């Protein structure tokens, strides 16, 4: 009987050592952290807050007009979303100081290091235009087709 117990203990010990359990570091490197709406909004807000100048304006270079814009943050649109396993997206509104109806729609792309989300690209999606009938409205520069940018002009 004792020989059978020793044999079972030896068998269990051999089986455990043959199939090592991955340590926590191996587990972290193979699993991708899931980020949620509040994480995306927090990372975007933090990026915006850290990018403000001394007048509390967000600076962005407008590649189309080749001017540096100073804008006031208005809001992050709902919903923010996940584009792929690594890429997240947030759309925001900023207005021209002194003219809160003149609004730019600015898009933010974020990626992560499996711990934190960080902004890696910022683009002006819609620019303010004025209409005699409707006043200020947001005119799109591009649209999305299967999560890829398609420029309109």
Foldseek 3Di string as FASTA:
>chain_A
DVVVVVVVVVVVVVVDVVDDDDDPVVVLVVDADDDDQVQVQVQVVVVQQVQADPVRFHWDQAPVVRDIATWHWDFKDPDWAALDSFKTKIWGWTAHPPDRLFIWIKMWIWGDPSPHIHTDDMHTQWGWDQDPVPGIDTHGQWDDDSNDTDGPD
